[in-house]
Amino acid sequence: MNSESLPNRSVKLFLRADHDFGRESPQQRIVEQLSALEANGELDDYEVVVWGRELRLDGPLTETDYYRRVVDHVEEFEAWAAGTDVSVEYLFRRRRVESAFVDETYDLLSLPVALLAIYRDGDVAQVYPCKRTDGPRPITEFAKHFESILTLSPT
């Protein structure tokens, strides 16, 4: 099989900008693993995307590129999971906030501290972390399943 017939293999790593103290080392290890996979030619490219803790779904950012990109990614991951035996809904909690102080009610979308999406030819092939019928798959397991995901084998 020549390299022209191989699928494009890419990863997006989403990291929360305001993560809790002590999460830097695991996140750095994932970035190092991605860099090594790219250097070895096992991965065509990767991107690190930084997002916030929560996104107000009906707030002042709804017309911004940032808002649209985040919502598009969340919808992409949820649509992918709906077509598989995987659950990611627990990663994206939605909640209604009622503030008596400003007399306002709004909806928030909570974003995970870290999420890794593997793409094959531009389509989501796997998301970590996730819950599968055979149990949870933490983000740290992505390297164990990486090759089988990219060769179209189920993981």
Protein backbone atom coordinates (compact mmCIF):
# COMPACT_ATOMS: atom_id res chain seq x y z
CA MET A 1 0.00 0.00 0.00
CA ASN A 2 1.57 3.31 -0.98
CA SER A 3 1.34 6.47 1.08
CA GLU A 4 -1.12 8.05 -1.37
CA SER A 5 -3.73 5.41 -0.50
CA LEU A 6 -3.36 5.81 3.27
CA PRO A 7 -6.08 7.78 5.01
CA ASN A 8 -5.24 11.21 6.36
CA ARG A 9 -4.61 10.71 10.07
CA SER A 10 -4.99 13.68 12.35
CA VAL A 11 -5.77 14.46 15.96
CA LYS A 12 -7.25 17.43 17.76
CA LEU A 13 -6.45 17.71 21.44
CA PHE A 14 -8.82 20.01 23.33
CA LEU A 15 -7.50 21.39 26.61
CA ARG A 16 -9.29 23.59 29.09
CA ALA A 17 -7.55 26.93 29.60
CA ASP A 18 -8.55 27.12 33.26
CA HIS A 19 -7.87 23.54 34.31
CA ASP A 20 -7.25 22.44 37.85
CA PHE A 21 -3.78 22.50 39.36
CA GLY A 22 -1.83 19.26 38.83
CA ARG A 23 -3.17 18.39 35.37
CA GLU A 24 -0.22 19.82 33.45
CA SER A 25 1.94 16.68 33.48
CA PRO A 26 -0.65 14.27 32.02
CA GLN A 27 -1.56 16.82 29.36
CA GLN A 28 2.10 17.38 28.50
CA ARG A 29 2.61 13.60 28.14
CA ILE A 30 -0.25 13.44 25.64
CA VAL A 31 1.25 16.30 23.61
CA GLU A 32 4.61 14.49 23.67
CA GLN A 33 2.94 11.26 22.47
CA LEU A 34 1.26 13.12 19.63
CA SER A 35 4.53 14.76 18.66
CA ALA A 36 6.26 11.36 18.61
CA LEU A 37 3.47 9.81 16.49
CA GLU A 38 3.80 12.68 14.03
CA ALA A 39 7.61 12.43 13.95
CA ASN A 40 7.36 8.66 13.28
CA GLY A 41 4.95 9.22 10.40
CA GLU A 42 2.08 7.46 12.18
CA LEU A 43 0.13 10.72 12.38
CA ASP A 44 -0.11 13.32 9.64
CA ASP A 45 -0.76 16.24 11.95
CA TYR A 46 -2.22 17.29 15.26
CA GLU A 47 -3.65 20.47 16.68
CA VAL A 48 -4.04 21.66 20.25
CA VAL A 49 -7.25 23.63 20.79
CA VAL A 50 -7.76 25.60 24.00
CA TRP A 51 -11.27 26.18 25.28
CA GLY A 52 -12.86 27.49 28.46
CA ARG A 53 -14.60 25.76 31.35
CA GLU A 54 -18.11 26.60 30.17
CA LEU A 55 -19.84 28.23 27.25
CA ARG A 56 -23.00 30.25 27.62
CA LEU A 57 -25.31 28.86 24.95
CA ASP A 58 -27.44 31.95 24.59
CA GLY A 59 -25.00 34.69 25.51
CA PRO A 60 -23.04 37.45 23.88
CA LEU A 61 -20.54 35.07 22.20
CA THR A 62 -23.09 33.27 20.03
CA GLU A 63 -22.10 35.28 16.93
CA THR A 64 -18.34 34.76 17.35
CA ASP A 65 -16.06 32.32 15.53
CA TYR A 66 -14.97 30.87 18.87
CA TYR A 67 -18.53 30.04 19.88
CA ARG A 68 -19.35 28.49 16.50
CA ARG A 69 -16.16 26.35 16.47
CA VAL A 70 -16.79 25.02 20.00
CA VAL A 71 -20.46 24.24 19.33
CA ASP A 72 -19.60 22.67 15.95
CA HIS A 73 -17.04 20.38 17.61
CA VAL A 74 -19.44 19.36 20.39
CA GLU A 75 -22.17 18.60 17.84
CA GLU A 76 -19.66 16.64 15.72
CA PHE A 77 -18.64 14.50 18.71
CA GLU A 78 -22.23 13.90 19.78
CA ALA A 79 -23.28 12.94 16.23
CA TRP A 80 -20.34 10.54 15.94
CA ALA A 81 -21.21 8.93 19.30
CA ALA A 82 -24.87 8.57 18.31
CA GLY A 83 -23.80 6.33 15.43
CA THR A 84 -21.62 4.09 17.61
CA ASP A 85 -21.76 2.20 20.90
CA VAL A 86 -20.01 5.13 22.56
CA SER A 87 -21.28 7.77 24.98
CA VAL A 88 -19.79 11.25 25.25
CA GLU A 89 -22.85 13.05 26.61
CA TYR A 90 -21.43 13.00 30.14
CA LEU A 91 -18.51 15.13 28.87
CA PHE A 92 -20.78 17.99 27.81
CA ARG A 93 -23.13 18.75 30.66
CA ARG A 94 -25.82 21.30 30.00
CA ARG A 95 -27.38 23.21 32.85
CA ARG A 96 -29.69 26.13 33.38
CA VAL A 97 -28.49 28.95 35.62
CA GLU A 98 -30.89 31.30 37.33
CA SER A 99 -29.34 34.41 38.80
CA ALA A 100 -31.50 36.37 41.22
CA PHE A 101 -28.72 38.95 41.48
CA VAL A 102 -29.09 40.07 37.84
CA ASP A 103 -32.58 38.62 37.31
CA GLU A 104 -31.39 36.44 34.44
CA THR A 105 -31.70 32.82 33.33
CA TYR A 106 -29.33 31.22 30.84
CA ASP A 107 -28.02 27.85 29.67
CA LEU A 108 -24.41 26.74 30.10
CA LEU A 109 -22.47 23.99 28.36
CA SER A 110 -19.64 22.54 30.47
CA LEU A 111 -16.55 21.47 28.54
CA PRO A 112 -14.17 18.67 29.58
CA VAL A 113 -10.69 19.40 30.94
CA ALA A 114 -9.19 17.37 28.10
CA LEU A 115 -10.61 15.64 25.04
CA LEU A 116 -8.76 13.97 22.20
CA ALA A 117 -10.44 13.39 18.84
CA ILE A 118 -8.86 11.12 16.23
CA TYR A 119 -9.81 11.87 12.63
CA ARG A 120 -9.50 9.62 9.60
CA ASP A 121 -9.87 11.45 6.28
CA GLY A 122 -11.49 14.38 8.08
CA ASP A 123 -14.12 12.31 9.89
CA VAL A 124 -14.16 11.54 13.61
CA ALA A 125 -12.90 8.00 14.15
CA GLN A 126 -12.70 8.03 17.97
CA VAL A 127 -13.05 10.40 20.91
CA TYR A 128 -11.28 10.05 24.27
CA PRO A 129 -12.40 9.97 27.00
CA CYS A 130 -15.61 8.09 26.32
CA LYS A 131 -17.81 5.36 27.72
CA ARG A 132 -18.24 2.20 25.68
CA THR A 133 -20.42 -0.82 26.31
CA ASP A 134 -17.29 -2.64 27.54
CA GLY A 135 -16.36 0.17 29.94
CA PRO A 136 -14.77 3.60 30.06
CA ARG A 137 -11.88 4.65 27.84
CA PRO A 138 -9.78 7.36 29.47
CA ILE A 139 -7.89 9.82 27.31
CA THR A 140 -4.60 8.20 28.31
CA GLU A 141 -5.58 5.03 26.39
CA PHE A 142 -5.66 6.67 22.96
CA ALA A 143 -2.14 5.50 22.03
CA LYS A 144 -3.04 1.87 22.80
CA HIS A 145 -5.88 1.93 20.25
CA PHE A 146 -4.47 4.45 17.77
CA GLU A 147 -3.30 2.06 15.04
CA SER A 148 -6.48 -0.04 14.99
CA ILE A 149 -8.63 3.10 14.81
CA LEU A 150 -6.75 4.36 11.78
CA THR A 151 -6.87 1.03 9.97
CA LEU A 152 -10.67 0.97 10.20
CA SER A 153 -10.77 -1.78 12.81
CA PRO A 154 -13.27 -1.37 15.63
CA THR A 155 -11.74 -0.57 19.02
